[in-house]
Amino acid sequence: MFTVMNGIAAIPRGNKQPAGNYRFSVNAYSQQGQVPVKPLNYALVNGVSNGPQGVLLDVGLDNSISLEEIRQVL
């Protein structure tokens, strides 16, 4: 069973899905219309490097992010 919002099916929380590549998008609205929003992601840090671009965190899948992109550390 899926939840549908604005004509788009959503996977119920807690249900496992098959392995694969997934994408998600976020849209936010106020009474005045659409507002800017940036989707966030949870990731495990595999390593830290310091190079010409500054400090980078290796978050897997050949992806590194800067410290400026971090919003919360758990």
PDB file of N, CA and C in Angstrom:
ATOM      1  N   MET A   1       0.844  -1.179   0.000  1.00  0.00           N
ATOM      2  CA  MET A   1       0.000   0.000   0.000  1.00  0.00           C
ATOM      3  C   MET A   1       0.884   1.235   0.000  1.00  0.00           C
ATOM      4  N   PHE A   2       0.565   2.200  -0.844  1.00  0.00           N
ATOM      5  CA  PHE A   2       1.337   3.423  -0.963  1.00  0.00           C
ATOM      6  C   PHE A   2       0.493   4.624  -0.565  1.00  0.00           C
ATOM      7  N   THR A   3       1.150   5.608  -0.011  1.00  0.00           N
ATOM      8  CA  THR A   3       0.518   6.893   0.246  1.00  0.00           C
ATOM      9  C   THR A   3       0.678   7.731  -1.011  1.00  0.00           C
ATOM     10  N   VAL A   4      -0.352   8.460  -1.390  1.00  0.00           N
ATOM     11  CA  VAL A   4      -0.263   9.313  -2.574  1.00  0.00           C
ATOM     12  C   VAL A   4      -0.475  10.758  -2.158  1.00  0.00           C
ATOM     13  N   MET A   5       0.505  11.607  -2.507  1.00  0.00           N
ATOM     14  CA  MET A   5       0.399  13.043  -2.254  1.00  0.00           C
ATOM     15  C   MET A   5       0.595  13.755  -3.578  1.00  0.00           C
ATOM     16  N   ASN A   6      -0.322  14.633  -3.917  1.00  0.00           N
ATOM     17  CA  ASN A   6      -0.231  15.390  -5.168  1.00  0.00           C
ATOM     18  C   ASN A   6      -0.033  14.475  -6.378  1.00  0.00           C
ATOM     19  N   GLY A   7      -0.673  13.323  -6.352  1.00  0.00           N
ATOM     20  CA  GLY A   7      -0.609  12.413  -7.479  1.00  0.00           C
ATOM     21  C   GLY A   7       0.637  11.557  -7.563  1.00  0.00           C
ATOM     22  N   ILE A   8       1.493  11.600  -6.526  1.00  0.00           N
ATOM     23  CA  ILE A   8       2.735  10.835  -6.532  1.00  0.00           C
ATOM     24  C   ILE A   8       2.686   9.795  -5.422  1.00  0.00           C
ATOM     25  N   ALA A   9       2.984   8.531  -5.754  1.00  0.00           N
ATOM     26  CA  ALA A   9       2.973   7.452  -4.768  1.00  0.00           C
ATOM     27  C   ALA A   9       4.216   7.525  -3.898  1.00  0.00           C
ATOM     28  N   ALA A  10       4.049   7.329  -2.594  1.00  0.00           N
ATOM     29  CA  ALA A  10       5.167   7.329  -1.649  1.00  0.00           C
ATOM     30  C   ALA A  10       5.248   5.969  -0.973  1.00  0.00           C
ATOM     31  N   ILE A  11       6.455   5.512  -0.707  1.00  0.00           N
ATOM     32  CA  ILE A  11       6.674   4.239  -0.031  1.00  0.00           C
ATOM     33  C   ILE A  11       6.425   4.442   1.458  1.00  0.00           C
ATOM     34  N   PRO A  12       5.601   3.612   2.091  1.00  0.00           N
ATOM     35  CA  PRO A  12       5.352   3.758   3.522  1.00  0.00           C
ATOM     36  C   PRO A  12       6.646   3.631   4.330  1.00  0.00           C
ATOM     37  N   ARG A  13       6.766   4.420   5.362  1.00  0.00           N
ATOM     38  CA  ARG A  13       7.958   4.411   6.208  1.00  0.00           C
ATOM     39  C   ARG A  13       8.157   3.030   6.829  1.00  0.00           C
ATOM     40  N   GLY A  14       9.400   2.571   6.805  1.00  0.00           N
ATOM     41  CA  GLY A  14       9.736   1.299   7.427  1.00  0.00           C
ATOM     42  C   GLY A  14       9.668   0.102   6.497  1.00  0.00           C
ATOM     43  N   ASN A  15       9.092   0.266   5.323  1.00  0.00           N
ATOM     44  CA  ASN A  15       9.023  -0.849   4.379  1.00  0.00           C
ATOM     45  C   ASN A  15      10.327  -0.955   3.604  1.00  0.00           C
ATOM     46  N   LYS A  16      10.933  -2.154   3.581  1.00  0.00           N
ATOM     47  CA  LYS A  16      12.167  -2.363   2.830  1.00  0.00           C
ATOM     48  C   LYS A  16      11.859  -2.412   1.345  1.00  0.00           C
ATOM     49  N   GLN A  17      12.761  -1.852   0.574  1.00  0.00           N
ATOM     50  CA  GLN A  17      12.639  -1.833  -0.874  1.00  0.00           C
ATOM     51  C   GLN A  17      13.841  -2.555  -1.471  1.00  0.00           C
ATOM     52  N   PRO A  18      13.720  -3.030  -2.692  1.00  0.00           N
ATOM     53  CA  PRO A  18      14.841  -3.740  -3.306  1.00  0.00           C
ATOM     54  C   PRO A  18      16.054  -2.830  -3.478  1.00  0.00           C
ATOM     55  N   ALA A  19      17.237  -3.444  -3.465  1.00  0.00           N
ATOM     56  CA  ALA A  19      18.469  -2.686  -3.681  1.00  0.00           C
ATOM     57  C   ALA A  19      18.425  -2.046  -5.061  1.00  0.00           C
ATOM     58  N   GLY A  20      19.017  -0.887  -5.169  1.00  0.00           N
ATOM     59  CA  GLY A  20      19.055  -0.191  -6.452  1.00  0.00           C
ATOM     60  C   GLY A  20      19.349   1.278  -6.251  1.00  0.00           C
ATOM     61  N   ASN A  21      19.342   2.018  -7.318  1.00  0.00           N
ATOM     62  CA  ASN A  21      19.554   3.458  -7.256  1.00  0.00           C
ATOM     63  C   ASN A  21      18.207   4.150  -7.163  1.00  0.00           C
ATOM     64  N   TYR A  22      18.078   5.045  -6.217  1.00  0.00           N
ATOM     65  CA  TYR A  22      16.838   5.778  -6.015  1.00  0.00           C
ATOM     66  C   TYR A  22      17.122   7.270  -6.036  1.00  0.00           C
ATOM     67  N   ARG A  23      16.133   8.038  -6.396  1.00  0.00           N
ATOM     68  CA  ARG A  23      16.204   9.499  -6.365  1.00  0.00           C
ATOM     69  C   ARG A  23      14.992  10.010  -5.605  1.00  0.00           C
ATOM     70  N   PHE A  24      15.172  11.162  -4.988  1.00  0.00           N
ATOM     71  CA  PHE A  24      14.026  11.793  -4.357  1.00  0.00           C
ATOM     72  C   PHE A  24      14.094  13.284  -4.612  1.00  0.00           C
ATOM     73  N   SER A  25      12.961  13.931  -4.511  1.00  0.00           N
ATOM     74  CA  SER A  25      12.917  15.381  -4.673  1.00  0.00           C
ATOM     75  C   SER A  25      12.014  15.954  -3.596  1.00  0.00           C
ATOM     76  N   VAL A  26      12.224  17.215  -3.298  1.00  0.00           N
ATOM     77  CA  VAL A  26      11.455  17.891  -2.261  1.00  0.00           C
ATOM     78  C   VAL A  26      10.901  19.181  -2.839  1.00  0.00           C
ATOM     79  N   ASN A  27       9.623  19.405  -2.627  1.00  0.00           N
ATOM     80  CA  ASN A  27       8.983  20.667  -2.990  1.00  0.00           C
ATOM     81  C   ASN A  27       8.297  21.203  -1.751  1.00  0.00           C
ATOM     82  N   ALA A  28       8.478  22.481  -1.471  1.00  0.00           N
ATOM     83  CA  ALA A  28       7.854  23.099  -0.301  1.00  0.00           C
ATOM     84  C   ALA A  28       7.012  24.289  -0.749  1.00  0.00           C
ATOM     85  N   TYR A  29       5.884  24.458  -0.085  1.00  0.00           N
ATOM     86  CA  TYR A  29       4.963  25.528  -0.452  1.00  0.00           C
ATOM     87  C   TYR A  29       4.492  26.266   0.793  1.00  0.00           C
ATOM     88  N   SER A  30       4.305  27.562   0.650  1.00  0.00           N
ATOM     89  CA  SER A  30       3.658  28.371   1.682  1.00  0.00           C
ATOM     90  C   SER A  30       2.356  28.887   1.076  1.00  0.00           C
ATOM     91  N   GLN A  31       1.646  29.712   1.802  1.00  0.00           N
ATOM     92  CA  GLN A  31       0.406  30.268   1.262  1.00  0.00           C
ATOM     93  C   GLN A  31       0.672  31.158   0.051  1.00  0.00           C
ATOM     94  N   GLN A  32       1.898  31.673  -0.060  1.00  0.00           N
ATOM     95  CA  GLN A  32       2.251  32.535  -1.185  1.00  0.00           C
ATOM     96  C   GLN A  32       2.749  31.749  -2.399  1.00  0.00           C
ATOM     97  N   GLY A  33       2.944  30.462  -2.262  1.00  0.00           N
ATOM     98  CA  GLY A  33       3.422  29.644  -3.370  1.00  0.00           C
ATOM     99  C   GLY A  33       4.651  28.841  -2.992  1.00  0.00           C
ATOM    100  N   GLN A  34       5.381  28.391  -3.995  1.00  0.00           N
ATOM    101  CA  GLN A  34       6.548  27.542  -3.759  1.00  0.00           C
ATOM    102  C   GLN A  34       7.674  28.343  -3.116  1.00  0.00           C
ATOM    103  N   VAL A  35       8.380  27.703  -2.169  1.00  0.00           N
ATOM    104  CA  VAL A  35       9.516  28.325  -1.482  1.00  0.00           C
ATOM    105  C   VAL A  35      10.762  27.472  -1.718  1.00  0.00           C
ATOM    106  N   PRO A  36      11.953  28.106  -1.707  1.00  0.00           N
ATOM    107  CA  PRO A  36      13.184  27.340  -1.923  1.00  0.00           C
ATOM    108  C   PRO A  36      13.419  26.328  -0.807  1.00  0.00           C
ATOM    109  N   VAL A  37      13.906  25.169  -1.176  1.00  0.00           N
ATOM    110  CA  VAL A  37      14.195  24.119  -0.202  1.00  0.00           C
ATOM    111  C   VAL A  37      15.351  23.281  -0.736  1.00  0.00           C
ATOM    112  N   LYS A  38      16.171  22.768   0.180  1.00  0.00           N
ATOM    113  CA  LYS A  38      17.281  21.904  -0.224  1.00  0.00           C
ATOM    114  C   LYS A  38      17.104  20.561   0.472  1.00  0.00           C
ATOM    115  N   PRO A  39      17.000  19.468  -0.295  1.00  0.00           N
ATOM    116  CA  PRO A  39      16.858  18.153   0.331  1.00  0.00           C
ATOM    117  C   PRO A  39      18.132  17.772   1.078  1.00  0.00           C
ATOM    118  N   LEU A  40      17.966  17.105   2.197  1.00  0.00           N
ATOM    119  CA  LEU A  40      19.095  16.655   3.001  1.00  0.00           C
ATOM    120  C   LEU A  40      19.214  15.145   2.912  1.00  0.00           C
ATOM    121  N   ASN A  41      20.389  14.634   3.247  1.00  0.00           N
ATOM    122  CA  ASN A  41      20.645  13.206   3.163  1.00  0.00           C
ATOM    123  C   ASN A  41      21.416  12.764   4.395  1.00  0.00           C
ATOM    124  N   TYR A  42      21.160  11.570   4.867  1.00  0.00           N
ATOM    125  CA  TYR A  42      21.899  10.955   5.965  1.00  0.00           C
ATOM    126  C   TYR A  42      22.990  10.103   5.347  1.00  0.00           C
ATOM    127  N   ALA A  43      24.228  10.254   5.830  1.00  0.00           N
ATOM    128  CA  ALA A  43      25.323   9.459   5.262  1.00  0.00           C
ATOM    129  C   ALA A  43      26.351   9.128   6.332  1.00  0.00           C
ATOM    130  N   LEU A  44      26.956   7.973   6.202  1.00  0.00           N
ATOM    131  CA  LEU A  44      28.052   7.542   7.060  1.00  0.00           C
ATOM    132  C   LEU A  44      29.352   8.066   6.466  1.00  0.00           C
ATOM    133  N   VAL A  45      30.188   8.689   7.293  1.00  0.00           N
ATOM    134  CA  VAL A  45      31.472   9.210   6.821  1.00  0.00           C
ATOM    135  C   VAL A  45      32.495   8.085   6.846  1.00  0.00           C
ATOM    136  N   ASN A  46      33.046   7.763   5.676  1.00  0.00           N
ATOM    137  CA  ASN A  46      34.036   6.697   5.546  1.00  0.00           C
ATOM    138  C   ASN A  46      35.459   7.195   5.724  1.00  0.00           C
ATOM    139  N   GLY A  47      35.674   8.487   5.514  1.00  0.00           N
ATOM    140  CA  GLY A  47      37.022   9.033   5.617  1.00  0.00           C
ATOM    141  C   GLY A  47      37.010  10.542   5.485  1.00  0.00           C
ATOM    142  N   VAL A  48      38.130  11.156   5.861  1.00  0.00           N
ATOM    143  CA  VAL A  48      38.300  12.603   5.791  1.00  0.00           C
ATOM    144  C   VAL A  48      39.610  12.877   5.068  1.00  0.00           C
ATOM    145  N   SER A  49      39.592  13.840   4.142  1.00  0.00           N
ATOM    146  CA  SER A  49      40.825  14.208   3.443  1.00  0.00           C
ATOM    147  C   SER A  49      40.965  15.725   3.417  1.00  0.00           C
ATOM    148  N   ASN A  50      42.207  16.181   3.359  1.00  0.00           N
ATOM    149  CA  ASN A  50      42.499  17.606   3.295  1.00  0.00           C
ATOM    150  C   ASN A  50      43.286  17.848   2.023  1.00  0.00           C
ATOM    151  N   GLY A  51      42.732  18.623   1.112  1.00  0.00           N
ATOM    152  CA  GLY A  51      43.388  18.862  -0.167  1.00  0.00           C
ATOM    153  C   GLY A  51      43.180  20.278  -0.640  1.00  0.00           C
ATOM    154  N   PRO A  52      43.407  20.527  -1.919  1.00  0.00           N
ATOM    155  CA  PRO A  52      43.274  21.873  -2.481  1.00  0.00           C
ATOM    156  C   PRO A  52      41.876  22.477  -2.302  1.00  0.00           C
ATOM    157  N   GLN A  53      40.848  21.629  -2.257  1.00  0.00           N
ATOM    158  CA  GLN A  53      39.479  22.125  -2.066  1.00  0.00           C
ATOM    159  C   GLN A  53      39.126  22.282  -0.594  1.00  0.00           C
ATOM    160  N   GLY A  54      40.062  22.027   0.294  1.00  0.00           N
ATOM    161  CA  GLY A  54      39.802  22.076   1.726  1.00  0.00           C
ATOM    162  C   GLY A  54      39.503  20.692   2.264  1.00  0.00           C
ATOM    163  N   VAL A  55      38.865  20.642   3.421  1.00  0.00           N
ATOM    164  CA  VAL A  55      38.530  19.365   4.051  1.00  0.00           C
ATOM    165  C   VAL A  55      37.314  18.766   3.357  1.00  0.00           C
ATOM    166  N   LEU A  56      37.441  17.489   2.950  1.00  0.00           N
ATOM    167  CA  LEU A  56      36.349  16.772   2.304  1.00  0.00           C
ATOM    168  C   LEU A  56      36.045  15.501   3.080  1.00  0.00           C
ATOM    169  N   LEU A  57      34.757  15.172   3.162  1.00  0.00           N
ATOM    170  CA  LEU A  57      34.315  13.952   3.824  1.00  0.00           C
ATOM    171  C   LEU A  57      33.892  12.943   2.764  1.00  0.00           C
ATOM    172  N   ASP A  58      34.442  11.741   2.832  1.00  0.00           N
ATOM    173  CA  ASP A  58      34.077  10.657   1.923  1.00  0.00           C
ATOM    174  C   ASP A  58      32.815  10.009   2.466  1.00  0.00           C
ATOM    175  N   VAL A  59      31.709  10.140   1.724  1.00  0.00           N
ATOM    176  CA  VAL A  59      30.435   9.571   2.164  1.00  0.00           C
ATOM    177  C   VAL A  59      30.007   8.385   1.299  1.00  0.00           C
ATOM    178  N   GLY A  60      30.967   7.769   0.621  1.00  0.00           N
ATOM    179  CA  GLY A  60      30.685   6.563  -0.141  1.00  0.00           C
ATOM    180  C   GLY A  60      30.222   6.821  -1.556  1.00  0.00           C
ATOM    181  N   LEU A  61      30.155   5.746  -2.325  1.00  0.00           N
ATOM    182  CA  LEU A  61      29.733   5.781  -3.727  1.00  0.00           C
ATOM    183  C   LEU A  61      30.502   6.825  -4.520  1.00  0.00           C
ATOM    184  N   ASP A  62      31.809   6.924  -4.237  1.00  0.00           N
ATOM    185  CA  ASP A  62      32.689   7.866  -4.936  1.00  0.00           C
ATOM    186  C   ASP A  62      32.177   9.297  -4.824  1.00  0.00           C
ATOM    187  N   ASN A  63      31.690   9.654  -3.633  1.00  0.00           N
ATOM    188  CA  ASN A  63      31.121  10.978  -3.398  1.00  0.00           C
ATOM    189  C   ASN A  63      31.776  11.604  -2.178  1.00  0.00           C
ATOM    190  N   SER A  64      32.302  12.808  -2.341  1.00  0.00           N
ATOM    191  CA  SER A  64      32.873  13.557  -1.227  1.00  0.00           C
ATOM    192  C   SER A  64      32.146  14.882  -1.101  1.00  0.00           C
ATOM    193  N   ILE A  65      31.975  15.345   0.137  1.00  0.00           N
ATOM    194  CA  ILE A  65      31.298  16.616   0.377  1.00  0.00           C
ATOM    195  C   ILE A  65      32.167  17.492   1.265  1.00  0.00           C
ATOM    196  N   SER A  66      31.971  18.803   1.183  1.00  0.00           N
ATOM    197  CA  SER A  66      32.740  19.739   1.998  1.00  0.00           C
ATOM    198  C   SER A  66      32.090  19.884   3.371  1.00  0.00           C
ATOM    199  N   LEU A  67      32.872  20.377   4.318  1.00  0.00           N
ATOM    200  CA  LEU A  67      32.336  20.607   5.664  1.00  0.00           C
ATOM    201  C   LEU A  67      31.195  21.623   5.642  1.00  0.00           C
ATOM    202  N   GLU A  68      31.210  22.537   4.689  1.00  0.00           N
ATOM    203  CA  GLU A  68      30.150  23.544   4.582  1.00  0.00           C
ATOM    204  C   GLU A  68      28.789  22.922   4.293  1.00  0.00           C
ATOM    205  N   GLU A  69      28.778  21.724   3.741  1.00  0.00           N
ATOM    206  CA  GLU A  69      27.519  21.061   3.404  1.00  0.00           C
ATOM    207  C   GLU A  69      26.922  20.289   4.576  1.00  0.00           C
ATOM    208  N   ILE A  70      27.665  20.150   5.672  1.00  0.00           N
ATOM    209  CA  ILE A  70      27.197  19.403   6.842  1.00  0.00           C
ATOM    210  C   ILE A  70      26.213  20.255   7.634  1.00  0.00           C
ATOM    211  N   ARG A  71      25.054  19.691   7.961  1.00  0.00           N
ATOM    212  CA  ARG A  71      24.030  20.399   8.738  1.00  0.00           C
ATOM    213  C   ARG A  71      23.921  19.872  10.161  1.00  0.00           C
ATOM    214  N   GLN A  72      24.282  18.609  10.378  1.00  0.00           N
ATOM    215  CA  GLN A  72      24.173  18.019  11.712  1.00  0.00           C
ATOM    216  C   GLN A  72      25.072  16.797  11.790  1.00  0.00           C
ATOM    217  N   VAL A  73      25.684  16.603  12.950  1.00  0.00           N
ATOM    218  CA  VAL A  73      26.496  15.419  13.206  1.00  0.00           C
ATOM    219  C   VAL A  73      25.827  14.648  14.327  1.00  0.00           C
ATOM    220  N   LEU A  74      25.554  13.371  14.099  1.00  0.00           N
ATOM    221  CA  LEU A  74      24.893  12.532  15.112  1.00  0.00           C
ATOM    222  C   LEU A  74      25.893  11.614  15.759  1.00  0.00           C
TER     223      LEU A  74
END
